[in-house]
Amino acid sequence: MNQPPNRPRGRRLAALALVVLATGLVGVGMSALGAPEDEASESDLSLRPSPDRGREEVMRLLARKERNLIEREKLVDKKEADLRAAQEEVEARITELQSLRDTLRVQLDDLDEDREARITHLVKMFEAMREKKAAAILEITEDAVALEVLERMKKDKAGKVLAAMEPTRASELAESIGDAALSKEMQ
């Protein structure tokens, strides 16, 4: 019969494994049976665990962990200090912005009051004029100003001023007044 070439080699390996196993068992048995502790070699003693060596290793590990914790604590403290500084800066800026906002509100209120006073004065001046003179001036005035004046004038006086204007211009202003009134109703 044809045997594969690996088979004799496999048998040799199995035999060698048995010899190694047997030698190991015999050595263990001998040391368990007859080897007194006094005759133990120094290399055997160095392999045995010692309670002092274990404590020393644990103490080293604990010391290393403590150093790491102290370093982390310092890092956390530094980050907290940085955050507090940043928070104080943000709060200072917020306070500054609130102050600016309040100042702007006051200035806008003052501007609104000034604007209101000027428009009221302008309306009174146009109401005091004759219709034809007021119409001639409002025909060439900017739309926003003309509309504001006409809307604030007494209705009968505003109607007479529009009637005295050139029809195209009067139509444009009347249409704008109507659009403004419609947009206010829709809100």
N, C-alpha and C. Protein backbone atom coordinates (compact mmCIF):
# COMPACT_ATOMS: atom_id res chain seq x y z
N MET A 1 0.83 -1.18 0.00
CA MET A 1 0.00 0.00 0.00
C MET A 1 0.87 1.23 0.00
N ASN A 2 0.37 2.23 -0.62
CA ASN A 2 1.12 3.49 -0.67
C ASN A 2 0.73 4.36 0.51
N GLN A 3 1.74 4.65 1.34
CA GLN A 3 1.49 5.55 2.47
C GLN A 3 2.05 6.91 2.13
N PRO A 4 1.35 7.94 2.57
CA PRO A 4 1.87 9.27 2.31
C PRO A 4 3.19 9.46 3.05
N PRO A 5 4.07 10.28 2.48
CA PRO A 5 5.39 10.47 3.08
C PRO A 5 5.33 11.12 4.46
N ASN A 6 4.27 11.76 4.87
CA ASN A 6 4.19 12.45 6.16
C ASN A 6 3.91 11.49 7.30
N ARG A 7 3.40 10.34 7.05
CA ARG A 7 2.98 9.42 8.09
C ARG A 7 4.16 8.98 8.96
N PRO A 8 5.30 8.53 8.43
CA PRO A 8 6.40 8.15 9.32
C PRO A 8 6.87 9.35 10.14
N ARG A 9 6.84 10.50 9.58
CA ARG A 9 7.27 11.68 10.31
C ARG A 9 6.30 11.97 11.45
N GLY A 10 5.02 11.83 11.25
CA GLY A 10 4.02 12.03 12.28
C GLY A 10 4.20 11.05 13.42
N ARG A 11 4.58 9.83 13.13
CA ARG A 11 4.83 8.84 14.18
C ARG A 11 6.02 9.25 15.03
N ARG A 12 7.04 9.77 14.35
CA ARG A 12 8.23 10.19 15.08
C ARG A 12 7.89 11.34 16.04
N LEU A 13 7.08 12.26 15.57
CA LEU A 13 6.69 13.39 16.41
C LEU A 13 5.87 12.95 17.62
N ALA A 14 4.99 12.00 17.41
CA ALA A 14 4.16 11.48 18.49
C ALA A 14 5.03 10.79 19.53
N ALA A 15 6.03 10.03 19.09
CA ALA A 15 6.92 9.32 20.00
C ALA A 15 7.74 10.32 20.80
N LEU A 16 8.22 11.36 20.12
CA LEU A 16 9.01 12.38 20.80
C LEU A 16 8.17 13.10 21.86
N ALA A 17 6.92 13.38 21.56
CA ALA A 17 6.03 14.03 22.51
C ALA A 17 5.82 13.16 23.73
N LEU A 18 5.70 11.86 23.54
CA LEU A 18 5.52 10.95 24.67
C LEU A 18 6.75 10.95 25.56
N VAL A 19 7.94 10.97 24.96
CA VAL A 19 9.18 10.97 25.74
C VAL A 19 9.26 12.25 26.57
N VAL A 20 8.95 13.42 25.95
CA VAL A 20 9.01 14.69 26.68
C VAL A 20 8.00 14.69 27.81
N LEU A 21 6.82 14.22 27.58
CA LEU A 21 5.78 14.17 28.59
C LEU A 21 6.20 13.27 29.74
N ALA A 22 6.73 12.14 29.44
CA ALA A 22 7.16 11.19 30.47
C ALA A 22 8.28 11.78 31.31
N THR A 23 9.23 12.44 30.67
CA THR A 23 10.35 13.05 31.39
C THR A 23 9.84 14.12 32.34
N GLY A 24 8.90 14.91 31.89
CA GLY A 24 8.34 15.96 32.73
C GLY A 24 7.62 15.39 33.92
N LEU A 25 6.86 14.33 33.70
CA LEU A 25 6.11 13.71 34.80
C LEU A 25 7.06 13.10 35.82
N VAL A 26 8.11 12.48 35.33
CA VAL A 26 9.08 11.86 36.24
C VAL A 26 9.75 12.93 37.09
N GLY A 27 10.10 14.07 36.48
CA GLY A 27 10.75 15.16 37.21
C GLY A 27 9.84 15.73 38.27
N VAL A 28 8.58 15.88 37.95
CA VAL A 28 7.62 16.41 38.92
C VAL A 28 7.43 15.43 40.05
N GLY A 29 7.33 14.18 39.69
CA GLY A 29 7.15 13.14 40.72
C GLY A 29 8.33 13.07 41.65
N MET A 30 9.52 13.19 41.13
CA MET A 30 10.72 13.11 41.95
C MET A 30 10.79 14.28 42.92
N SER A 31 10.47 15.44 42.43
CA SER A 31 10.56 16.59 43.32
C SER A 31 9.48 16.53 44.39
N ALA A 32 8.34 15.96 44.07
CA ALA A 32 7.27 15.87 45.05
C ALA A 32 7.57 14.81 46.07
N LEU A 33 8.26 13.77 45.65
CA LEU A 33 8.50 12.67 46.57
C LEU A 33 9.74 12.86 47.42
N GLY A 34 10.83 13.18 46.82
CA GLY A 34 12.05 13.08 47.58
C GLY A 34 12.86 14.34 47.71
N ALA A 35 12.53 15.39 47.09
CA ALA A 35 13.39 16.57 47.13
C ALA A 35 13.10 17.38 48.37
N PRO A 36 14.05 17.44 49.29
CA PRO A 36 13.82 18.23 50.49
C PRO A 36 13.89 19.72 50.18
N GLU A 37 13.26 20.52 51.02
CA GLU A 37 13.20 21.96 50.79
C GLU A 37 14.57 22.60 50.91
N ASP A 38 15.45 22.06 51.73
CA ASP A 38 16.77 22.64 51.91
C ASP A 38 17.57 22.61 50.63
N GLU A 39 17.34 21.60 49.83
CA GLU A 39 18.13 21.43 48.63
C GLU A 39 17.60 22.23 47.46
N ALA A 40 16.56 22.95 47.65
CA ALA A 40 15.99 23.75 46.56
C ALA A 40 17.01 24.77 46.13
N SER A 41 17.10 24.93 44.84
CA SER A 41 18.09 25.87 44.30
C SER A 41 17.60 27.30 44.50
N GLU A 42 18.55 28.22 44.38
CA GLU A 42 18.22 29.62 44.54
C GLU A 42 17.30 30.11 43.44
N SER A 43 17.44 29.55 42.24
CA SER A 43 16.57 29.96 41.14
C SER A 43 15.12 29.60 41.42
N ASP A 44 14.91 28.47 42.14
CA ASP A 44 13.55 28.10 42.52
C ASP A 44 12.97 29.12 43.49
N LEU A 45 13.81 29.64 44.39
CA LEU A 45 13.33 30.62 45.37
C LEU A 45 12.96 31.94 44.71
N SER A 46 13.69 32.33 43.68
CA SER A 46 13.39 33.60 43.02
C SER A 46 12.09 33.55 42.25
N LEU A 47 11.68 32.34 41.90
CA LEU A 47 10.42 32.19 41.16
C LEU A 47 9.21 32.20 42.08
N ARG A 48 9.43 31.88 43.34
CA ARG A 48 8.32 31.84 44.28
C ARG A 48 7.85 33.26 44.60
N PRO A 49 6.53 33.47 44.65
CA PRO A 49 6.03 34.80 44.99
C PRO A 49 6.31 35.11 46.46
N SER A 50 6.63 36.36 46.71
CA SER A 50 6.88 36.75 48.09
C SER A 50 5.85 37.81 48.46
N PRO A 51 5.33 37.79 49.67
CA PRO A 51 4.33 38.78 50.08
C PRO A 51 4.89 40.19 50.03
N ASP A 52 6.15 40.36 50.36
CA ASP A 52 6.74 41.70 50.33
C ASP A 52 6.82 42.23 48.91
N ARG A 53 7.19 41.36 47.99
CA ARG A 53 7.31 41.79 46.59
C ARG A 53 5.93 42.23 46.06
N GLY A 54 4.89 41.52 46.39
CA GLY A 54 3.53 41.87 45.96
C GLY A 54 3.09 43.20 46.53
N ARG A 55 3.39 43.43 47.82
CA ARG A 55 3.03 44.70 48.45
C ARG A 55 3.76 45.86 47.80
N GLU A 56 5.03 45.65 47.52
CA GLU A 56 5.81 46.70 46.89
C GLU A 56 5.24 47.07 45.53
N GLU A 57 4.85 46.05 44.76
CA GLU A 57 4.29 46.30 43.43
C GLU A 57 2.96 47.04 43.54
N VAL A 58 2.13 46.64 44.49
CA VAL A 58 0.85 47.31 44.71
C VAL A 58 1.08 48.76 45.13
N MET A 59 2.05 48.98 46.00
CA MET A 59 2.35 50.34 46.45
C MET A 59 2.83 51.20 45.28
N ARG A 60 3.67 50.62 44.40
CA ARG A 60 4.13 51.37 43.23
C ARG A 60 2.95 51.73 42.33
N LEU A 61 2.06 50.76 42.12
CA LEU A 61 0.89 51.03 41.27
C LEU A 61 0.02 52.11 41.89
N LEU A 62 -0.19 52.03 43.19
CA LEU A 62 -1.00 53.04 43.87
C LEU A 62 -0.35 54.42 43.79
N ALA A 63 0.97 54.47 43.96
CA ALA A 63 1.67 55.75 43.88
C ALA A 63 1.55 56.34 42.47
N ARG A 64 1.68 55.49 41.45
CA ARG A 64 1.55 55.96 40.06
C ARG A 64 0.13 56.47 39.81
N LYS A 65 -0.87 55.73 40.30
CA LYS A 65 -2.26 56.17 40.13
C LYS A 65 -2.49 57.50 40.85
N GLU A 66 -1.92 57.65 42.04
CA GLU A 66 -2.08 58.89 42.79
C GLU A 66 -1.46 60.06 42.03
N ARG A 67 -0.27 59.85 41.45
CA ARG A 67 0.37 60.92 40.66
C ARG A 67 -0.51 61.29 39.47
N ASN A 68 -1.06 60.27 38.80
CA ASN A 68 -1.94 60.53 37.66
C ASN A 68 -3.17 61.32 38.09
N LEU A 69 -3.74 60.94 39.22
CA LEU A 69 -4.92 61.65 39.72
C LEU A 69 -4.58 63.09 40.08
N ILE A 70 -3.42 63.31 40.68
CA ILE A 70 -3.02 64.67 41.04
C ILE A 70 -2.84 65.51 39.77
N GLU A 71 -2.21 64.92 38.75
CA GLU A 71 -2.03 65.64 37.48
C GLU A 71 -3.38 65.97 36.85
N ARG A 72 -4.29 65.00 36.88
CA ARG A 72 -5.63 65.25 36.31
C ARG A 72 -6.34 66.33 37.10
N GLU A 73 -6.22 66.29 38.41
CA GLU A 73 -6.86 67.30 39.24
C GLU A 73 -6.32 68.70 38.92
N LYS A 74 -5.01 68.80 38.73
CA LYS A 74 -4.41 70.09 38.37
C LYS A 74 -4.96 70.56 37.03
N LEU A 75 -5.07 69.64 36.08
CA LEU A 75 -5.59 69.98 34.75
C LEU A 75 -7.04 70.44 34.84
N VAL A 76 -7.84 69.73 35.63
CA VAL A 76 -9.25 70.11 35.81
C VAL A 76 -9.34 71.47 36.48
N ASP A 77 -8.49 71.72 37.49
CA ASP A 77 -8.50 73.02 38.17
C ASP A 77 -8.15 74.14 37.20
N LYS A 78 -7.16 73.89 36.35
CA LYS A 78 -6.76 74.91 35.36
C LYS A 78 -7.91 75.18 34.39
N LYS A 79 -8.55 74.12 33.93
CA LYS A 79 -9.67 74.31 33.00
C LYS A 79 -10.82 75.04 33.67
N GLU A 80 -11.08 74.73 34.93
CA GLU A 80 -12.13 75.44 35.66
C GLU A 80 -11.80 76.93 35.79
N ALA A 81 -10.54 77.22 36.08
CA ALA A 81 -10.12 78.63 36.19
C ALA A 81 -10.28 79.33 34.84
N ASP A 82 -9.91 78.65 33.76
CA ASP A 82 -10.08 79.23 32.42
C ASP A 82 -11.56 79.47 32.12
N LEU A 83 -12.40 78.51 32.49
CA LEU A 83 -13.84 78.67 32.27
C LEU A 83 -14.41 79.83 33.08
N ARG A 84 -13.96 79.96 34.33
CA ARG A 84 -14.44 81.08 35.16
C ARG A 84 -14.02 82.41 34.55
N ALA A 85 -12.79 82.48 34.07
CA ALA A 85 -12.31 83.72 33.45
C ALA A 85 -13.12 84.03 32.19
N ALA A 86 -13.37 83.00 31.38
CA ALA A 86 -14.16 83.20 30.16
C ALA A 86 -15.58 83.62 30.50
N GLN A 87 -16.15 83.01 31.53
CA GLN A 87 -17.51 83.36 31.95
C GLN A 87 -17.58 84.80 32.43
N GLU A 88 -16.58 85.23 33.19
CA GLU A 88 -16.55 86.61 33.67
C GLU A 88 -16.44 87.58 32.49
N GLU A 89 -15.64 87.21 31.50
CA GLU A 89 -15.48 88.06 30.31
C GLU A 89 -16.80 88.15 29.54
N VAL A 90 -17.48 87.02 29.39
CA VAL A 90 -18.76 87.01 28.68
C VAL A 90 -19.79 87.85 29.45
N GLU A 91 -19.81 87.70 30.77
CA GLU A 91 -20.75 88.48 31.57
C GLU A 91 -20.47 89.98 31.46
N ALA A 92 -19.19 90.33 31.43
CA ALA A 92 -18.83 91.75 31.29
C ALA A 92 -19.28 92.27 29.93
N ARG A 93 -19.10 91.47 28.90
CA ARG A 93 -19.54 91.89 27.56
C ARG A 93 -21.05 91.99 27.48
N ILE A 94 -21.74 91.06 28.11
CA ILE A 94 -23.21 91.12 28.12
C ILE A 94 -23.68 92.40 28.81
N THR A 95 -23.05 92.73 29.93
CA THR A 95 -23.40 93.95 30.65
C THR A 95 -23.14 95.17 29.76
N GLU A 96 -22.00 95.15 29.08
CA GLU A 96 -21.66 96.26 28.19
C GLU A 96 -22.67 96.38 27.04
N LEU A 97 -23.05 95.24 26.47
CA LEU A 97 -24.03 95.26 25.37
C LEU A 97 -25.41 95.72 25.86
N GLN A 98 -25.79 95.32 27.06
CA GLN A 98 -27.07 95.77 27.60
C GLN A 98 -27.06 97.28 27.82
N SER A 99 -25.93 97.78 28.27
CA SER A 99 -25.80 99.23 28.46
C SER A 99 -25.91 99.95 27.12
N LEU A 100 -25.22 99.42 26.10
CA LEU A 100 -25.31 100.02 24.76
C LEU A 100 -26.74 99.96 24.22
N ARG A 101 -27.40 98.82 24.44
CA ARG A 101 -28.79 98.68 23.99
C ARG A 101 -29.68 99.72 24.65
N ASP A 102 -29.51 99.90 25.95
CA ASP A 102 -30.32 100.88 26.67
C ASP A 102 -30.05 102.29 26.16
N THR A 103 -28.77 102.59 25.90
CA THR A 103 -28.41 103.91 25.37
C THR A 103 -29.05 104.12 24.00
N LEU A 104 -28.99 103.09 23.16
CA LEU A 104 -29.59 103.20 21.82
C LEU A 104 -31.11 103.39 21.91
N ARG A 105 -31.74 102.68 22.84
CA ARG A 105 -33.19 102.84 23.00
C ARG A 105 -33.54 104.28 23.37
N VAL A 106 -32.77 104.83 24.28
CA VAL A 106 -33.02 106.22 24.69
C VAL A 106 -32.82 107.15 23.49
N GLN A 107 -31.73 106.94 22.75
CA GLN A 107 -31.47 107.79 21.59
C GLN A 107 -32.56 107.63 20.53
N LEU A 108 -33.01 106.39 20.29
CA LEU A 108 -34.09 106.18 19.32
C LEU A 108 -35.39 106.83 19.79
N ASP A 109 -35.65 106.73 21.09
CA ASP A 109 -36.85 107.40 21.62
C ASP A 109 -36.74 108.91 21.42
N ASP A 110 -35.55 109.44 21.67
CA ASP A 110 -35.34 110.88 21.47
C ASP A 110 -35.54 111.25 20.01
N LEU A 111 -34.99 110.41 19.11
CA LEU A 111 -35.16 110.67 17.68
C LEU A 111 -36.62 110.58 17.27
N ASP A 112 -37.32 109.60 17.82
CA ASP A 112 -38.75 109.47 17.51
C ASP A 112 -39.52 110.70 18.01
N GLU A 113 -39.16 111.16 19.19
CA GLU A 113 -39.83 112.35 19.72
C GLU A 113 -39.52 113.57 18.86
N ASP A 114 -38.25 113.71 18.46
CA ASP A 114 -37.87 114.83 17.58
C ASP A 114 -38.60 114.73 16.25
N ARG A 115 -38.62 113.54 15.68
CA ARG A 115 -39.30 113.34 14.39
C ARG A 115 -40.79 113.67 14.52
N GLU A 116 -41.37 113.17 15.58
CA GLU A 116 -42.80 113.42 15.81
C GLU A 116 -43.06 114.91 15.95
N ALA A 117 -42.22 115.59 16.67
CA ALA A 117 -42.40 117.04 16.86
C ALA A 117 -42.25 117.76 15.52
N ARG A 118 -41.27 117.38 14.71
CA ARG A 118 -41.07 118.03 13.41
C ARG A 118 -42.25 117.77 12.47
N ILE A 119 -42.74 116.52 12.45
CA ILE A 119 -43.87 116.21 11.56
C ILE A 119 -45.12 116.96 12.03
N THR A 120 -45.35 116.99 13.32
CA THR A 120 -46.51 117.73 13.84
C THR A 120 -46.42 119.21 13.46
N HIS A 121 -45.24 119.77 13.57
CA HIS A 121 -45.03 121.17 13.19
C HIS A 121 -45.29 121.37 11.69
N LEU A 122 -44.77 120.43 10.87
CA LEU A 122 -44.95 120.50 9.42
C LEU A 122 -46.44 120.40 9.04
N VAL A 123 -47.17 119.49 9.70
CA VAL A 123 -48.60 119.33 9.42
C VAL A 123 -49.35 120.63 9.76
N LYS A 124 -49.02 121.21 10.88
CA LYS A 124 -49.67 122.47 11.26
C LYS A 124 -49.39 123.56 10.24
N MET A 125 -48.14 123.60 9.72
CA MET A 125 -47.80 124.61 8.71
C MET A 125 -48.62 124.39 7.44
N PHE A 126 -48.74 123.15 6.97
CA PHE A 126 -49.50 122.88 5.75
C PHE A 126 -50.99 123.13 5.96
N GLU A 127 -51.49 122.85 7.15
CA GLU A 127 -52.90 123.13 7.41
C GLU A 127 -53.16 124.65 7.45
N ALA A 128 -52.18 125.40 7.81
CA ALA A 128 -52.34 126.86 7.86
C ALA A 128 -52.26 127.48 6.46
N MET A 129 -51.69 126.80 5.49
CA MET A 129 -51.56 127.33 4.12
C MET A 129 -52.87 127.20 3.37
N ARG A 130 -52.94 127.92 2.30
CA ARG A 130 -54.08 127.76 1.39
C ARG A 130 -53.87 126.45 0.65
N GLU A 131 -54.98 125.85 0.22
CA GLU A 131 -54.95 124.52 -0.40
C GLU A 131 -54.04 124.49 -1.63
N LYS A 132 -54.14 125.49 -2.51
CA LYS A 132 -53.35 125.49 -3.75
C LYS A 132 -51.86 125.58 -3.43
N LYS A 133 -51.47 126.39 -2.47
CA LYS A 133 -50.05 126.54 -2.11
C LYS A 133 -49.53 125.24 -1.50
N ALA A 134 -50.31 124.61 -0.59
CA ALA A 134 -49.91 123.34 0.03
C ALA A 134 -49.80 122.25 -1.02
N ALA A 135 -50.76 122.24 -1.99
CA ALA A 135 -50.74 121.23 -3.05
C ALA A 135 -49.50 121.39 -3.91
N ALA A 136 -49.14 122.62 -4.26
CA ALA A 136 -47.96 122.86 -5.10
C ALA A 136 -46.69 122.37 -4.40
N ILE A 137 -46.60 122.58 -3.11
CA ILE A 137 -45.41 122.13 -2.38
C ILE A 137 -45.39 120.61 -2.25
N LEU A 138 -46.51 120.00 -1.89
CA LEU A 138 -46.57 118.54 -1.69
C LEU A 138 -46.40 117.77 -3.01
N GLU A 139 -46.72 118.41 -4.13
CA GLU A 139 -46.52 117.74 -5.42
C GLU A 139 -45.04 117.44 -5.66
N ILE A 140 -44.16 118.30 -5.20
CA ILE A 140 -42.73 118.11 -5.46
C ILE A 140 -41.98 117.56 -4.24
N THR A 141 -42.70 117.32 -3.15
CA THR A 141 -42.09 116.78 -1.93
C THR A 141 -41.93 115.26 -2.08
N GLU A 142 -40.94 114.70 -1.42
CA GLU A 142 -40.71 113.25 -1.42
C GLU A 142 -41.98 112.54 -0.96
N ASP A 143 -42.25 111.38 -1.57
CA ASP A 143 -43.49 110.64 -1.29
C ASP A 143 -43.70 110.35 0.20
N ALA A 144 -42.68 109.87 0.88
CA ALA A 144 -42.83 109.50 2.29
C ALA A 144 -43.25 110.69 3.14
N VAL A 145 -42.66 111.85 2.88
CA VAL A 145 -42.99 113.06 3.65
C VAL A 145 -44.40 113.54 3.29
N ALA A 146 -44.71 113.57 1.98
CA ALA A 146 -46.03 114.02 1.53
C ALA A 146 -47.13 113.14 2.11
N LEU A 147 -46.90 111.83 2.10
CA LEU A 147 -47.89 110.89 2.66
C LEU A 147 -48.07 111.10 4.16
N GLU A 148 -46.97 111.25 4.88
CA GLU A 148 -47.05 111.45 6.33
C GLU A 148 -47.84 112.72 6.65
N VAL A 149 -47.59 113.80 5.91
CA VAL A 149 -48.30 115.07 6.15
C VAL A 149 -49.77 114.91 5.82
N LEU A 150 -50.09 114.35 4.66
CA LEU A 150 -51.49 114.19 4.25
C LEU A 150 -52.27 113.29 5.22
N GLU A 151 -51.65 112.22 5.69
CA GLU A 151 -52.34 111.31 6.62
C GLU A 151 -52.63 111.98 7.95
N ARG A 152 -51.80 112.91 8.37
CA ARG A 152 -51.98 113.56 9.67
C ARG A 152 -52.82 114.84 9.60
N MET A 153 -53.00 115.33 8.41
CA MET A 153 -53.82 116.54 8.27
C MET A 153 -55.28 116.20 8.56
N LYS A 154 -56.05 117.23 8.91
CA LYS A 154 -57.50 117.03 9.06
C LYS A 154 -58.03 116.57 7.72
N LYS A 155 -59.01 115.69 7.75
CA LYS A 155 -59.49 115.05 6.52
C LYS A 155 -60.02 116.04 5.49
N ASP A 156 -60.80 117.00 5.93
CA ASP A 156 -61.35 117.95 4.95
C ASP A 156 -60.26 118.80 4.32
N LYS A 157 -59.24 119.19 5.10
CA LYS A 157 -58.13 119.99 4.58
C LYS A 157 -57.29 119.13 3.63
N ALA A 158 -57.00 117.85 3.98
CA ALA A 158 -56.21 116.95 3.13
C ALA A 158 -56.93 116.71 1.81
N GLY A 159 -58.25 116.57 1.86
CA GLY A 159 -59.02 116.38 0.64
C GLY A 159 -58.94 117.59 -0.29
N LYS A 160 -59.01 118.78 0.28
CA LYS A 160 -58.93 120.00 -0.52
C LYS A 160 -57.54 120.16 -1.14
N VAL A 161 -56.48 119.77 -0.40
CA VAL A 161 -55.11 119.84 -0.91
C VAL A 161 -54.94 118.85 -2.06
N LEU A 162 -55.44 117.62 -1.91
CA LEU A 162 -55.35 116.62 -2.99
C LEU A 162 -56.12 117.10 -4.23
N ALA A 163 -57.27 117.74 -4.01
CA ALA A 163 -58.07 118.23 -5.15
C ALA A 163 -57.34 119.33 -5.90
N ALA A 164 -56.51 120.08 -5.22
CA ALA A 164 -55.79 121.18 -5.86
C ALA A 164 -54.52 120.70 -6.57
N MET A 165 -54.12 119.45 -6.37
CA MET A 165 -52.89 118.92 -6.99
C MET A 165 -53.14 118.50 -8.43
N GLU A 166 -52.04 118.32 -9.14
CA GLU A 166 -52.09 117.75 -10.48
C GLU A 166 -52.67 116.34 -10.34
N PRO A 167 -53.64 115.95 -11.19
CA PRO A 167 -54.37 114.68 -11.00
C PRO A 167 -53.49 113.43 -10.89
N THR A 168 -52.43 113.32 -11.68
CA THR A 168 -51.59 112.12 -11.64
C THR A 168 -50.91 111.99 -10.27
N ARG A 169 -50.35 113.08 -9.81
CA ARG A 169 -49.67 113.08 -8.51
C ARG A 169 -50.67 112.83 -7.38
N ALA A 170 -51.83 113.46 -7.46
CA ALA A 170 -52.87 113.28 -6.43
C ALA A 170 -53.32 111.82 -6.40
N SER A 171 -53.43 111.20 -7.60
CA SER A 171 -53.84 109.80 -7.69
C SER A 171 -52.80 108.89 -7.03
N GLU A 172 -51.51 109.14 -7.30
CA GLU A 172 -50.44 108.32 -6.71
C GLU A 172 -50.46 108.41 -5.18
N LEU A 173 -50.61 109.63 -4.66
CA LEU A 173 -50.61 109.81 -3.20
C LEU A 173 -51.85 109.19 -2.57
N ALA A 174 -53.01 109.36 -3.23
CA ALA A 174 -54.25 108.78 -2.69
C ALA A 174 -54.15 107.25 -2.67
N GLU A 175 -53.57 106.68 -3.73
CA GLU A 175 -53.39 105.22 -3.81
C GLU A 175 -52.47 104.73 -2.69
N SER A 176 -51.39 105.45 -2.44
CA SER A 176 -50.46 105.08 -1.37
C SER A 176 -51.12 105.16 0.00
N ILE A 177 -51.94 106.19 0.19
CA ILE A 177 -52.67 106.32 1.46
C ILE A 177 -53.62 105.14 1.63
N GLY A 178 -54.30 104.77 0.55
CA GLY A 178 -55.23 103.62 0.62
C GLY A 178 -54.50 102.32 0.89
N ASP A 179 -53.34 102.10 0.24
CA ASP A 179 -52.55 100.89 0.46
C ASP A 179 -52.11 100.79 1.92
N ALA A 180 -51.68 101.91 2.46
CA ALA A 180 -51.23 101.93 3.87
C ALA A 180 -52.39 101.59 4.80
N ALA A 181 -53.58 102.12 4.49
CA ALA A 181 -54.74 101.83 5.34
C ALA A 181 -55.13 100.37 5.24
N LEU A 182 -55.05 99.78 4.04
CA LEU A 182 -55.38 98.37 3.87
C LEU A 182 -54.39 97.47 4.59
N SER A 183 -53.10 97.81 4.53
CA SER A 183 -52.09 96.98 5.19
C SER A 183 -52.25 97.05 6.72
N LYS A 184 -52.70 98.19 7.24
CA LYS A 184 -52.94 98.29 8.69
C LYS A 184 -54.13 97.42 9.10
N GLU A 185 -55.14 97.36 8.25
CA GLU A 185 -56.33 96.55 8.55
C GLU A 185 -55.99 95.06 8.55
N MET A 186 -55.10 94.65 7.66
CA MET A 186 -54.75 93.23 7.55
C MET A 186 -53.89 92.76 8.72
N GLN A 187 -53.25 93.68 9.41
CA GLN A 187 -52.40 93.29 10.54
C GLN A 187 -53.24 93.06 11.72
